[in-house]
Amino acid sequence: MLNYLKSIFATVRFRQFARQNERINKTPTDTSTQISVNPIFRDFNRAVGKSVVDITRQKIFVYIKIPRSQQSQKILKDMEAMIKEEISSRNPDYYFSSPERFKNHLWFIGTKR
């Protein structure tokens, strides 16, 4: 039960860490302004929003869904080192492997020291 709660808490923290924010101000012909989200970041955030951290006694599994668009995948590829560093700093009792890609999923697997 404790690992289940840890997994939920770690998943929420990881999703907050990985989310990208950038707003674009659009000015239509009238005086009001509209704010829209960059579609590349929207695709990336949608994929990262489905990521899961699973903590067991001996292992930690971090699942990240790979986004569909090429630009969003590039953002994820650029963030891999930061993601690994963030996961390992939040879980110092575990060794983490380099990410393994399986179809449209990216896995980080941590083993207890």
PDB file of N, CA and C in Angstrom:
ATOM      1  N   MET A   1       0.824  -1.191   0.000  1.00  0.00           N
ATOM      2  CA  MET A   1       0.000   0.000   0.000  1.00  0.00           C
ATOM      3  C   MET A   1       0.871   1.258   0.000  1.00  0.00           C
ATOM      4  N   LEU A   2       1.963   1.227   0.754  1.00  0.00           N
ATOM      5  CA  LEU A   2       2.847   2.382   0.811  1.00  0.00           C
ATOM      6  C   LEU A   2       3.501   2.640  -0.553  1.00  0.00           C
ATOM      7  N   ASN A   3       3.931   1.573  -1.236  1.00  0.00           N
ATOM      8  CA  ASN A   3       4.526   1.745  -2.564  1.00  0.00           C
ATOM      9  C   ASN A   3       3.514   2.279  -3.572  1.00  0.00           C
ATOM     10  N   TYR A   4       2.253   1.906  -3.415  1.00  0.00           N
ATOM     11  CA  TYR A   4       1.209   2.413  -4.292  1.00  0.00           C
ATOM     12  C   TYR A   4       1.073   3.929  -4.137  1.00  0.00           C
ATOM     13  N   LEU A   5       1.068   4.414  -2.919  1.00  0.00           N
ATOM     14  CA  LEU A   5       0.976   5.860  -2.672  1.00  0.00           C
ATOM     15  C   LEU A   5       2.233   6.583  -3.155  1.00  0.00           C
ATOM     16  N   LYS A   6       3.389   5.967  -2.954  1.00  0.00           N
ATOM     17  CA  LYS A   6       4.634   6.554  -3.455  1.00  0.00           C
ATOM     18  C   LYS A   6       4.609   6.661  -4.974  1.00  0.00           C
ATOM     19  N   SER A   7       4.055   5.638  -5.631  1.00  0.00           N
ATOM     20  CA  SER A   7       3.970   5.644  -7.092  1.00  0.00           C
ATOM     21  C   SER A   7       3.079   6.774  -7.585  1.00  0.00           C
ATOM     22  N   ILE A   8       1.949   6.969  -6.946  1.00  0.00           N
ATOM     23  CA  ILE A   8       1.039   8.039  -7.341  1.00  0.00           C
ATOM     24  C   ILE A   8       1.712   9.397  -7.155  1.00  0.00           C
ATOM     25  N   PHE A   9       2.336   9.609  -6.019  1.00  0.00           N
ATOM     26  CA  PHE A   9       3.005  10.880  -5.734  1.00  0.00           C
ATOM     27  C   PHE A   9       4.153  11.124  -6.717  1.00  0.00           C
ATOM     28  N   ALA A  10       4.940  10.084  -7.007  1.00  0.00           N
ATOM     29  CA  ALA A  10       6.058  10.230  -7.939  1.00  0.00           C
ATOM     30  C   ALA A  10       5.573  10.495  -9.359  1.00  0.00           C
ATOM     31  N   THR A  11       4.444   9.890  -9.739  1.00  0.00           N
ATOM     32  CA  THR A  11       3.884  10.126 -11.068  1.00  0.00           C
ATOM     33  C   THR A  11       3.447  11.577 -11.225  1.00  0.00           C
ATOM     34  N   VAL A  12       2.777  12.107 -10.234  1.00  0.00           N
ATOM     35  CA  VAL A  12       2.321  13.500 -10.299  1.00  0.00           C
ATOM     36  C   VAL A  12       3.511  14.451 -10.366  1.00  0.00           C
ATOM     37  N   ARG A  13       4.527  14.209  -9.551  1.00  0.00           N
ATOM     38  CA  ARG A  13       5.716  15.073  -9.571  1.00  0.00           C
ATOM     39  C   ARG A  13       6.455  14.981 -10.904  1.00  0.00           C
ATOM     40  N   PHE A  14       6.531  13.777 -11.460  1.00  0.00           N
ATOM     41  CA  PHE A  14       7.230  13.623 -12.741  1.00  0.00           C
ATOM     42  C   PHE A  14       6.482  14.335 -13.865  1.00  0.00           C
ATOM     43  N   ARG A  15       5.177  14.218 -13.883  1.00  0.00           N
ATOM     44  CA  ARG A  15       4.392  14.894 -14.921  1.00  0.00           C
ATOM     45  C   ARG A  15       4.545  16.404 -14.832  1.00  0.00           C
ATOM     46  N   GLN A  16       4.598  16.942 -13.616  1.00  0.00           N
ATOM     47  CA  GLN A  16       4.808  18.381 -13.448  1.00  0.00           C
ATOM     48  C   GLN A  16       6.188  18.787 -13.943  1.00  0.00           C
ATOM     49  N   PHE A  17       7.189  17.955 -13.698  1.00  0.00           N
ATOM     50  CA  PHE A  17       8.548  18.254 -14.135  1.00  0.00           C
ATOM     51  C   PHE A  17       8.651  18.253 -15.661  1.00  0.00           C
ATOM     52  N   ALA A  18       8.031  17.291 -16.310  1.00  0.00           N
ATOM     53  CA  ALA A  18       8.226  17.107 -17.749  1.00  0.00           C
ATOM     54  C   ALA A  18       7.370  18.037 -18.604  1.00  0.00           C
ATOM     55  N   ARG A  19       6.366  18.639 -18.044  1.00  0.00           N
ATOM     56  CA  ARG A  19       5.448  19.480 -18.822  1.00  0.00           C
ATOM     57  C   ARG A  19       6.172  20.721 -19.345  1.00  0.00           C
ATOM     58  N   GLN A  20       5.891  21.069 -20.596  1.00  0.00           N
ATOM     59  CA  GLN A  20       6.482  22.239 -21.247  1.00  0.00           C
ATOM     60  C   GLN A  20       5.409  23.322 -21.380  1.00  0.00           C
ATOM     61  N   ASN A  21       5.773  24.560 -21.106  1.00  0.00           N
ATOM     62  CA  ASN A  21       4.826  25.672 -21.198  1.00  0.00           C
ATOM     63  C   ASN A  21       5.371  26.757 -22.103  1.00  0.00           C
ATOM     64  N   GLU A  22       4.561  27.153 -23.053  1.00  0.00           N
ATOM     65  CA  GLU A  22       4.864  28.321 -23.871  1.00  0.00           C
ATOM     66  C   GLU A  22       3.540  28.804 -24.438  1.00  0.00           C
ATOM     67  N   ARG A  23       3.253  30.050 -24.234  1.00  0.00           N
ATOM     68  CA  ARG A  23       2.003  30.633 -24.709  1.00  0.00           C
ATOM     69  C   ARG A  23       2.307  31.587 -25.870  1.00  0.00           C
ATOM     70  N   ILE A  24       1.393  31.621 -26.824  1.00  0.00           N
ATOM     71  CA  ILE A  24       1.518  32.510 -27.976  1.00  0.00           C
ATOM     72  C   ILE A  24       0.371  33.509 -27.907  1.00  0.00           C
ATOM     73  N   ASN A  25       0.693  34.780 -27.910  1.00  0.00           N
ATOM     74  CA  ASN A  25      -0.336  35.820 -27.895  1.00  0.00           C
ATOM     75  C   ASN A  25      -0.751  36.135 -29.330  1.00  0.00           C
ATOM     76  N   LYS A  26      -2.028  35.951 -29.603  1.00  0.00           N
ATOM     77  CA  LYS A  26      -2.567  36.290 -30.914  1.00  0.00           C
ATOM     78  C   LYS A  26      -3.427  37.536 -30.758  1.00  0.00           C
ATOM     79  N   THR A  27      -3.230  38.506 -31.619  1.00  0.00           N
ATOM     80  CA  THR A  27      -4.043  39.718 -31.563  1.00  0.00           C
ATOM     81  C   THR A  27      -4.954  39.750 -32.779  1.00  0.00           C
ATOM     82  N   PRO A  28      -6.233  39.531 -32.567  1.00  0.00           N
ATOM     83  CA  PRO A  28      -7.163  39.643 -33.698  1.00  0.00           C
ATOM     84  C   PRO A  28      -7.393  41.106 -34.049  1.00  0.00           C
ATOM     85  N   THR A  29      -8.287  41.354 -34.955  1.00  0.00           N
ATOM     86  CA  THR A  29      -8.512  42.724 -35.437  1.00  0.00           C
ATOM     87  C   THR A  29      -9.106  43.639 -34.372  1.00  0.00           C
ATOM     88  N   ASP A  30      -9.833  43.075 -33.397  1.00  0.00           N
ATOM     89  CA  ASP A  30     -10.374  43.944 -32.342  1.00  0.00           C
ATOM     90  C   ASP A  30      -9.336  44.149 -31.236  1.00  0.00           C
ATOM     91  N   THR A  31      -9.708  44.794 -30.168  1.00  0.00           N
ATOM     92  CA  THR A  31      -8.753  45.166 -29.124  1.00  0.00           C
ATOM     93  C   THR A  31      -8.411  44.027 -28.158  1.00  0.00           C
ATOM     94  N   SER A  32      -9.182  42.948 -28.117  1.00  0.00           N
ATOM     95  CA  SER A  32      -8.885  41.868 -27.175  1.00  0.00           C
ATOM     96  C   SER A  32      -7.761  40.978 -27.717  1.00  0.00           C
ATOM     97  N   THR A  33      -7.075  40.324 -26.821  1.00  0.00           N
ATOM     98  CA  THR A  33      -6.006  39.414 -27.217  1.00  0.00           C
ATOM     99  C   THR A  33      -6.403  37.992 -26.839  1.00  0.00           C
ATOM    100  N   GLN A  34      -5.961  37.056 -27.629  1.00  0.00           N
ATOM    101  CA  GLN A  34      -6.211  35.651 -27.355  1.00  0.00           C
ATOM    102  C   GLN A  34      -4.884  34.973 -27.106  1.00  0.00           C
ATOM    103  N   ILE A  35      -4.911  34.010 -26.213  1.00  0.00           N
ATOM    104  CA  ILE A  35      -3.710  33.242 -25.914  1.00  0.00           C
ATOM    105  C   ILE A  35      -3.939  31.823 -26.393  1.00  0.00           C
ATOM    106  N   SER A  36      -3.005  31.308 -27.162  1.00  0.00           N
ATOM    107  CA  SER A  36      -3.113  29.932 -27.629  1.00  0.00           C
ATOM    108  C   SER A  36      -1.849  29.172 -27.257  1.00  0.00           C
ATOM    109  N   VAL A  37      -1.941  27.872 -27.292  1.00  0.00           N
ATOM    110  CA  VAL A  37      -0.820  27.017 -26.937  1.00  0.00           C
ATOM    111  C   VAL A  37      -0.158  26.531 -28.218  1.00  0.00           C
ATOM    112  N   ASN A  38       1.150  26.488 -28.206  1.00  0.00           N
ATOM    113  CA  ASN A  38       1.907  25.975 -29.328  1.00  0.00           C
ATOM    114  C   ASN A  38       1.497  24.521 -29.584  1.00  0.00           C
ATOM    115  N   PRO A  39       1.122  24.138 -30.810  1.00  0.00           N
ATOM    116  CA  PRO A  39       0.652  22.773 -31.061  1.00  0.00           C
ATOM    117  C   PRO A  39       1.714  21.703 -30.822  1.00  0.00           C
ATOM    118  N   ILE A  40       2.974  22.045 -30.963  1.00  0.00           N
ATOM    119  CA  ILE A  40       4.041  21.076 -30.701  1.00  0.00           C
ATOM    120  C   ILE A  40       4.085  20.761 -29.210  1.00  0.00           C
ATOM    121  N   PHE A  41       4.001  21.796 -28.371  1.00  0.00           N
ATOM    122  CA  PHE A  41       3.995  21.571 -26.929  1.00  0.00           C
ATOM    123  C   PHE A  41       2.711  20.895 -26.469  1.00  0.00           C
ATOM    124  N   ARG A  42       1.605  21.172 -27.142  1.00  0.00           N
ATOM    125  CA  ARG A  42       0.355  20.513 -26.791  1.00  0.00           C
ATOM    126  C   ARG A  42       0.462  19.006 -27.042  1.00  0.00           C
ATOM    127  N   ASP A  43       1.065  18.612 -28.173  1.00  0.00           N
ATOM    128  CA  ASP A  43       1.260  17.199 -28.480  1.00  0.00           C
ATOM    129  C   ASP A  43       2.222  16.561 -27.479  1.00  0.00           C
ATOM    130  N   PHE A  44       3.284  17.271 -27.155  1.00  0.00           N
ATOM    131  CA  PHE A  44       4.257  16.756 -26.190  1.00  0.00           C
ATOM    132  C   PHE A  44       3.626  16.584 -24.813  1.00  0.00           C
ATOM    133  N   ASN A  45       2.890  17.590 -24.346  1.00  0.00           N
ATOM    134  CA  ASN A  45       2.270  17.529 -23.021  1.00  0.00           C
ATOM    135  C   ASN A  45       1.196  16.451 -22.950  1.00  0.00           C
ATOM    136  N   ARG A  46       0.508  16.208 -24.036  1.00  0.00           N
ATOM    137  CA  ARG A  46      -0.497  15.154 -24.062  1.00  0.00           C
ATOM    138  C   ARG A  46       0.167  13.781 -23.870  1.00  0.00           C
ATOM    139  N   ALA A  47       1.312  13.573 -24.508  1.00  0.00           N
ATOM    140  CA  ALA A  47       2.019  12.302 -24.374  1.00  0.00           C
ATOM    141  C   ALA A  47       2.637  12.159 -22.978  1.00  0.00           C
ATOM    142  N   VAL A  48       3.244  13.228 -22.478  1.00  0.00           N
ATOM    143  CA  VAL A  48       3.872  13.180 -21.152  1.00  0.00           C
ATOM    144  C   VAL A  48       2.826  13.028 -20.052  1.00  0.00           C
ATOM    145  N   GLY A  49       1.633  13.538 -20.293  1.00  0.00           N
ATOM    146  CA  GLY A  49       0.555  13.413 -19.321  1.00  0.00           C
ATOM    147  C   GLY A  49       0.116  11.978 -19.097  1.00  0.00           C
ATOM    148  N   LYS A  50       0.535  11.062 -19.961  1.00  0.00           N
ATOM    149  CA  LYS A  50       0.199   9.647 -19.814  1.00  0.00           C
ATOM    150  C   LYS A  50       1.344   8.840 -19.209  1.00  0.00           C
ATOM    151  N   SER A  51       2.399   9.504 -18.785  1.00  0.00           N
ATOM    152  CA  SER A  51       3.528   8.796 -18.192  1.00  0.00           C
ATOM    153  C   SER A  51       3.170   8.288 -16.798  1.00  0.00           C
ATOM    154  N   VAL A  52       3.843   7.205 -16.398  1.00  0.00           N
ATOM    155  CA  VAL A  52       3.556   6.550 -15.125  1.00  0.00           C
ATOM    156  C   VAL A  52       4.878   6.175 -14.458  1.00  0.00           C
ATOM    157  N   VAL A  53       4.930   6.340 -13.138  1.00  0.00           N
ATOM    158  CA  VAL A  53       6.059   5.883 -12.334  1.00  0.00           C
ATOM    159  C   VAL A  53       5.530   4.778 -11.432  1.00  0.00           C
ATOM    160  N   ASP A  54       6.138   3.593 -11.522  1.00  0.00           N
ATOM    161  CA  ASP A  54       5.714   2.452 -10.718  1.00  0.00           C
ATOM    162  C   ASP A  54       6.857   2.055  -9.788  1.00  0.00           C
ATOM    163  N   ILE A  55       6.615   2.154  -8.490  1.00  0.00           N
ATOM    164  CA  ILE A  55       7.633   1.845  -7.491  1.00  0.00           C
ATOM    165  C   ILE A  55       7.277   0.521  -6.823  1.00  0.00           C
ATOM    166  N   THR A  56       8.204  -0.430  -6.880  1.00  0.00           N
ATOM    167  CA  THR A  56       8.049  -1.694  -6.165  1.00  0.00           C
ATOM    168  C   THR A  56       9.186  -1.794  -5.158  1.00  0.00           C
ATOM    169  N   ARG A  57       9.299  -2.928  -4.503  1.00  0.00           N
ATOM    170  CA  ARG A  57      10.353  -3.066  -3.489  1.00  0.00           C
ATOM    171  C   ARG A  57      11.753  -3.025  -4.071  1.00  0.00           C
ATOM    172  N   GLN A  58      11.959  -3.668  -5.203  1.00  0.00           N
ATOM    173  CA  GLN A  58      13.304  -3.776  -5.763  1.00  0.00           C
ATOM    174  C   GLN A  58      13.529  -2.968  -7.034  1.00  0.00           C
ATOM    175  N   LYS A  59      12.456  -2.487  -7.666  1.00  0.00           N
ATOM    176  CA  LYS A  59      12.605  -1.790  -8.940  1.00  0.00           C
ATOM    177  C   LYS A  59      11.687  -0.576  -9.030  1.00  0.00           C
ATOM    178  N   ILE A  60      12.072   0.324  -9.911  1.00  0.00           N
ATOM    179  CA  ILE A  60      11.230   1.462 -10.283  1.00  0.00           C
ATOM    180  C   ILE A  60      11.138   1.452 -11.801  1.00  0.00           C
ATOM    181  N   PHE A  61       9.915   1.532 -12.302  1.00  0.00           N
ATOM    182  CA  PHE A  61       9.674   1.598 -13.727  1.00  0.00           C
ATOM    183  C   PHE A  61       9.084   2.963 -14.045  1.00  0.00           C
ATOM    184  N   VAL A  62       9.680   3.647 -15.018  1.00  0.00           N
ATOM    185  CA  VAL A  62       9.147   4.927 -15.470  1.00  0.00           C
ATOM    186  C   VAL A  62       8.775   4.750 -16.937  1.00  0.00           C
ATOM    187  N   TYR A  63       7.487   4.910 -17.215  1.00  0.00           N
ATOM    188  CA  TYR A  63       6.947   4.739 -18.555  1.00  0.00           C
ATOM    189  C   TYR A  63       6.596   6.105 -19.117  1.00  0.00           C
ATOM    190  N   ILE A  64       7.083   6.387 -20.316  1.00  0.00           N
ATOM    191  CA  ILE A  64       6.771   7.640 -20.997  1.00  0.00           C
ATOM    192  C   ILE A  64       6.280   7.284 -22.395  1.00  0.00           C
ATOM    193  N   LYS A  65       5.120   7.792 -22.744  1.00  0.00           N
ATOM    194  CA  LYS A  65       4.597   7.586 -24.088  1.00  0.00           C
ATOM    195  C   LYS A  65       5.312   8.543 -25.029  1.00  0.00           C
ATOM    196  N   ILE A  66       5.759   8.043 -26.167  1.00  0.00           N
ATOM    197  CA  ILE A  66       6.470   8.870 -27.134  1.00  0.00           C
ATOM    198  C   ILE A  66       5.446   9.633 -27.977  1.00  0.00           C
ATOM    199  N   PRO A  67       5.609  10.946 -28.105  1.00  0.00           N
ATOM    200  CA  PRO A  67       4.651  11.748 -28.883  1.00  0.00           C
ATOM    201  C   PRO A  67       4.649  11.353 -30.360  1.00  0.00           C
ATOM    202  N   ARG A  68       3.616  11.763 -31.056  1.00  0.00           N
ATOM    203  CA  ARG A  68       3.465  11.387 -32.459  1.00  0.00           C
ATOM    204  C   ARG A  68       4.301  12.235 -33.396  1.00  0.00           C
ATOM    205  N   SER A  69       4.335  13.524 -33.175  1.00  0.00           N
ATOM    206  CA  SER A  69       5.007  14.403 -34.137  1.00  0.00           C
ATOM    207  C   SER A  69       6.523  14.367 -33.953  1.00  0.00           C
ATOM    208  N   GLN A  70       7.203  14.642 -35.045  1.00  0.00           N
ATOM    209  CA  GLN A  70       8.661  14.586 -35.045  1.00  0.00           C
ATOM    210  C   GLN A  70       9.261  15.665 -34.158  1.00  0.00           C
ATOM    211  N   GLN A  71       8.679  16.867 -34.148  1.00  0.00           N
ATOM    212  CA  GLN A  71       9.210  17.943 -33.317  1.00  0.00           C
ATOM    213  C   GLN A  71       9.038  17.637 -31.838  1.00  0.00           C
ATOM    214  N   SER A  72       7.910  17.017 -31.479  1.00  0.00           N
ATOM    215  CA  SER A  72       7.678  16.646 -30.087  1.00  0.00           C
ATOM    216  C   SER A  72       8.635  15.543 -29.652  1.00  0.00           C
ATOM    217  N   GLN A  73       8.924  14.613 -30.559  1.00  0.00           N
ATOM    218  CA  GLN A  73       9.890  13.565 -30.246  1.00  0.00           C
ATOM    219  C   GLN A  73      11.281  14.145 -30.042  1.00  0.00           C
ATOM    220  N   LYS A  74      11.618  15.187 -30.789  1.00  0.00           N
ATOM    221  CA  LYS A  74      12.914  15.847 -30.628  1.00  0.00           C
ATOM    222  C   LYS A  74      13.016  16.497 -29.249  1.00  0.00           C
ATOM    223  N   ILE A  75      11.927  17.106 -28.778  1.00  0.00           N
ATOM    224  CA  ILE A  75      11.922  17.694 -27.431  1.00  0.00           C
ATOM    225  C   ILE A  75      12.169  16.610 -26.392  1.00  0.00           C
ATOM    226  N   LEU A  76      11.495  15.474 -26.539  1.00  0.00           N
ATOM    227  CA  LEU A  76      11.678  14.368 -25.600  1.00  0.00           C
ATOM    228  C   LEU A  76      13.104  13.832 -25.659  1.00  0.00           C
ATOM    229  N   LYS A  77      13.659  13.701 -26.848  1.00  0.00           N
ATOM    230  CA  LYS A  77      15.029  13.204 -27.004  1.00  0.00           C
ATOM    231  C   LYS A  77      16.022  14.154 -26.339  1.00  0.00           C
ATOM    232  N   ASP A  78      15.787  15.461 -26.465  1.00  0.00           N
ATOM    233  CA  ASP A  78      16.669  16.446 -25.836  1.00  0.00           C
ATOM    234  C   ASP A  78      16.549  16.418 -24.311  1.00  0.00           C
ATOM    235  N   MET A  79      15.391  16.006 -23.807  1.00  0.00           N
ATOM    236  CA  MET A  79      15.155  15.995 -22.358  1.00  0.00           C
ATOM    237  C   MET A  79      15.575  14.694 -21.681  1.00  0.00           C
ATOM    238  N   GLU A  80      15.977  13.669 -22.433  1.00  0.00           N
ATOM    239  CA  GLU A  80      16.269  12.358 -21.838  1.00  0.00           C
ATOM    240  C   GLU A  80      17.305  12.439 -20.717  1.00  0.00           C
ATOM    241  N   ALA A  81      18.361  13.191 -20.919  1.00  0.00           N
ATOM    242  CA  ALA A  81      19.402  13.303 -19.887  1.00  0.00           C
ATOM    243  C   ALA A  81      18.850  14.010 -18.646  1.00  0.00           C
ATOM    244  N   MET A  82      18.051  15.047 -18.840  1.00  0.00           N
ATOM    245  CA  MET A  82      17.461  15.745 -17.697  1.00  0.00           C
ATOM    246  C   MET A  82      16.452  14.863 -16.967  1.00  0.00           C
ATOM    247  N   ILE A  83      15.698  14.080 -17.714  1.00  0.00           N
ATOM    248  CA  ILE A  83      14.727  13.169 -17.101  1.00  0.00           C
ATOM    249  C   ILE A  83      15.437  12.126 -16.259  1.00  0.00           C
ATOM    250  N   LYS A  84      16.498  11.546 -16.803  1.00  0.00           N
ATOM    251  CA  LYS A  84      17.250  10.533 -16.058  1.00  0.00           C
ATOM    252  C   LYS A  84      17.857  11.134 -14.793  1.00  0.00           C
ATOM    253  N   GLU A  85      18.400  12.339 -14.900  1.00  0.00           N
ATOM    254  CA  GLU A  85      18.976  13.004 -13.734  1.00  0.00           C
ATOM    255  C   GLU A  85      17.910  13.303 -12.687  1.00  0.00           C
ATOM    256  N   GLU A  86      16.746  13.759 -13.120  1.00  0.00           N
ATOM    257  CA  GLU A  86      15.653  14.068 -12.192  1.00  0.00           C
ATOM    258  C   GLU A  86      15.161  12.817 -11.478  1.00  0.00           C
ATOM    259  N   ILE A  87      14.986  11.742 -12.220  1.00  0.00           N
ATOM    260  CA  ILE A  87      14.506  10.494 -11.623  1.00  0.00           C
ATOM    261  C   ILE A  87      15.530   9.951 -10.633  1.00  0.00           C
ATOM    262  N   SER A  88      16.793   9.965 -11.002  1.00  0.00           N
ATOM    263  CA  SER A  88      17.819   9.415 -10.108  1.00  0.00           C
ATOM    264  C   SER A  88      18.034  10.301  -8.882  1.00  0.00           C
ATOM    265  N   SER A  89      17.854  11.611  -9.011  1.00  0.00           N
ATOM    266  CA  SER A  89      18.021  12.474  -7.842  1.00  0.00           C
ATOM    267  C   SER A  89      16.849  12.331  -6.871  1.00  0.00           C
ATOM    268  N   ARG A  90      15.667  12.036  -7.372  1.00  0.00           N
ATOM    269  CA  ARG A  90      14.505  11.835  -6.494  1.00  0.00           C
ATOM    270  C   ARG A  90      14.482  10.443  -5.874  1.00  0.00           C
ATOM    271  N   ASN A  91      15.240   9.509  -6.448  1.00  0.00           N
ATOM    272  CA  ASN A  91      15.307   8.142  -5.933  1.00  0.00           C
ATOM    273  C   ASN A  91      16.771   7.730  -5.801  1.00  0.00           C
ATOM    274  N   PRO A  92      17.466   8.211  -4.779  1.00  0.00           N
ATOM    275  CA  PRO A  92      18.913   7.964  -4.682  1.00  0.00           C
ATOM    276  C   PRO A  92      19.283   6.520  -4.357  1.00  0.00           C
ATOM    277  N   ASP A  93      18.338   5.699  -3.932  1.00  0.00           N
ATOM    278  CA  ASP A  93      18.646   4.307  -3.586  1.00  0.00           C
ATOM    279  C   ASP A  93      18.604   3.375  -4.792  1.00  0.00           C
ATOM    280  N   TYR A  94      18.413   3.913  -5.985  1.00  0.00           N
ATOM    281  CA  TYR A  94      18.256   3.086  -7.175  1.00  0.00           C
ATOM    282  C   TYR A  94      19.252   3.485  -8.249  1.00  0.00           C
ATOM    283  N   TYR A  95      19.714   2.477  -9.015  1.00  0.00           N
ATOM    284  CA  TYR A  95      20.500   2.704 -10.221  1.00  0.00           C
ATOM    285  C   TYR A  95      19.549   2.692 -11.403  1.00  0.00           C
ATOM    286  N   PHE A  96      19.695   3.646 -12.327  1.00  0.00           N
ATOM    287  CA  PHE A  96      18.802   3.708 -13.474  1.00  0.00           C
ATOM    288  C   PHE A  96      19.545   3.402 -14.757  1.00  0.00           C
ATOM    289  N   SER A  97      18.906   2.616 -15.594  1.00  0.00           N
ATOM    290  CA  SER A  97      19.468   2.269 -16.891  1.00  0.00           C
ATOM    291  C   SER A  97      19.250   3.422 -17.864  1.00  0.00           C
ATOM    292  N   SER A  98      19.914   3.338 -18.989  1.00  0.00           N
ATOM    293  CA  SER A  98      19.607   4.305 -20.042  1.00  0.00           C
ATOM    294  C   SER A  98      18.225   3.953 -20.587  1.00  0.00           C
ATOM    295  N   PRO A  99      17.545   4.904 -21.178  1.00  0.00           N
ATOM    296  CA  PRO A  99      16.170   4.634 -21.612  1.00  0.00           C
ATOM    297  C   PRO A  99      16.116   3.570 -22.699  1.00  0.00           C
ATOM    298  N   GLU A 100      15.094   2.732 -22.615  1.00  0.00           N
ATOM    299  CA  GLU A 100      14.882   1.687 -23.603  1.00  0.00           C
ATOM    300  C   GLU A 100      13.585   1.997 -24.336  1.00  0.00           C
ATOM    301  N   ARG A 101      13.667   2.011 -25.658  1.00  0.00           N
ATOM    302  CA  ARG A 101      12.467   2.287 -26.450  1.00  0.00           C
ATOM    303  C   ARG A 101      11.873   0.967 -26.917  1.00  0.00           C
ATOM    304  N   PHE A 102      10.568   0.824 -26.706  1.00  0.00           N
ATOM    305  CA  PHE A 102       9.823  -0.324 -27.189  1.00  0.00           C
ATOM    306  C   PHE A 102       8.575   0.205 -27.877  1.00  0.00           C
ATOM    307  N   LYS A 103       8.554   0.134 -29.212  1.00  0.00           N
ATOM    308  CA  LYS A 103       7.476   0.679 -30.037  1.00  0.00           C
ATOM    309  C   LYS A 103       7.288   2.166 -29.728  1.00  0.00           C
ATOM    310  N   ASN A 104       6.152   2.566 -29.172  1.00  0.00           N
ATOM    311  CA  ASN A 104       5.905   3.977 -28.874  1.00  0.00           C
ATOM    312  C   ASN A 104       6.017   4.273 -27.391  1.00  0.00           C
ATOM    313  N   HIS A 105       6.869   3.545 -26.699  1.00  0.00           N
ATOM    314  CA  HIS A 105       7.042   3.736 -25.261  1.00  0.00           C
ATOM    315  C   HIS A 105       8.522   3.862 -24.940  1.00  0.00           C
ATOM    316  N   LEU A 106       8.804   4.670 -23.961  1.00  0.00           N
ATOM    317  CA  LEU A 106      10.165   4.846 -23.472  1.00  0.00           C
ATOM    318  C   LEU A 106      10.177   4.419 -22.011  1.00  0.00           C
ATOM    319  N   TRP A 107      11.097   3.532 -21.660  1.00  0.00           N
ATOM    320  CA  TRP A 107      11.162   2.976 -20.310  1.00  0.00           C
ATOM    321  C   TRP A 107      12.491   3.329 -19.665  1.00  0.00           C
ATOM    322  N   PHE A 108      12.418   3.817 -18.429  1.00  0.00           N
ATOM    323  CA  PHE A 108      13.573   3.949 -17.548  1.00  0.00           C
ATOM    324  C   PHE A 108      13.364   2.917 -16.451  1.00  0.00           C
ATOM    325  N   ILE A 109      14.340   2.047 -16.227  1.00  0.00           N
ATOM    326  CA  ILE A 109      14.194   1.006 -15.213  1.00  0.00           C
ATOM    327  C   ILE A 109      15.281   1.205 -14.166  1.00  0.00           C
ATOM    328  N   GLY A 110      14.862   1.306 -12.912  1.00  0.00           N
ATOM    329  CA  GLY A 110      15.790   1.476 -11.802  1.00  0.00           C
ATOM    330  C   GLY A 110      15.822   0.242 -10.925  1.00  0.00           C
ATOM    331  N   THR A 111      17.026  -0.170 -10.534  1.00  0.00           N
ATOM    332  CA  THR A 111      17.212  -1.335  -9.672  1.00  0.00           C
ATOM    333  C   THR A 111      17.797  -0.859  -8.353  1.00  0.00           C
ATOM    334  N   LYS A 112      17.293  -1.445  -7.263  1.00  0.00           N
ATOM    335  CA  LYS A 112      17.742  -1.053  -5.936  1.00  0.00           C
ATOM    336  C   LYS A 112      19.216  -1.403  -5.750  1.00  0.00           C
ATOM    337  N   ARG A 113      19.956  -0.533  -5.069  1.00  0.00           N
ATOM    338  CA  ARG A 113      21.395  -0.747  -4.821  1.00  0.00           C
ATOM    339  C   ARG A 113      21.626  -1.829  -3.829  1.00  0.00           C
TER     340      ARG A 113
END
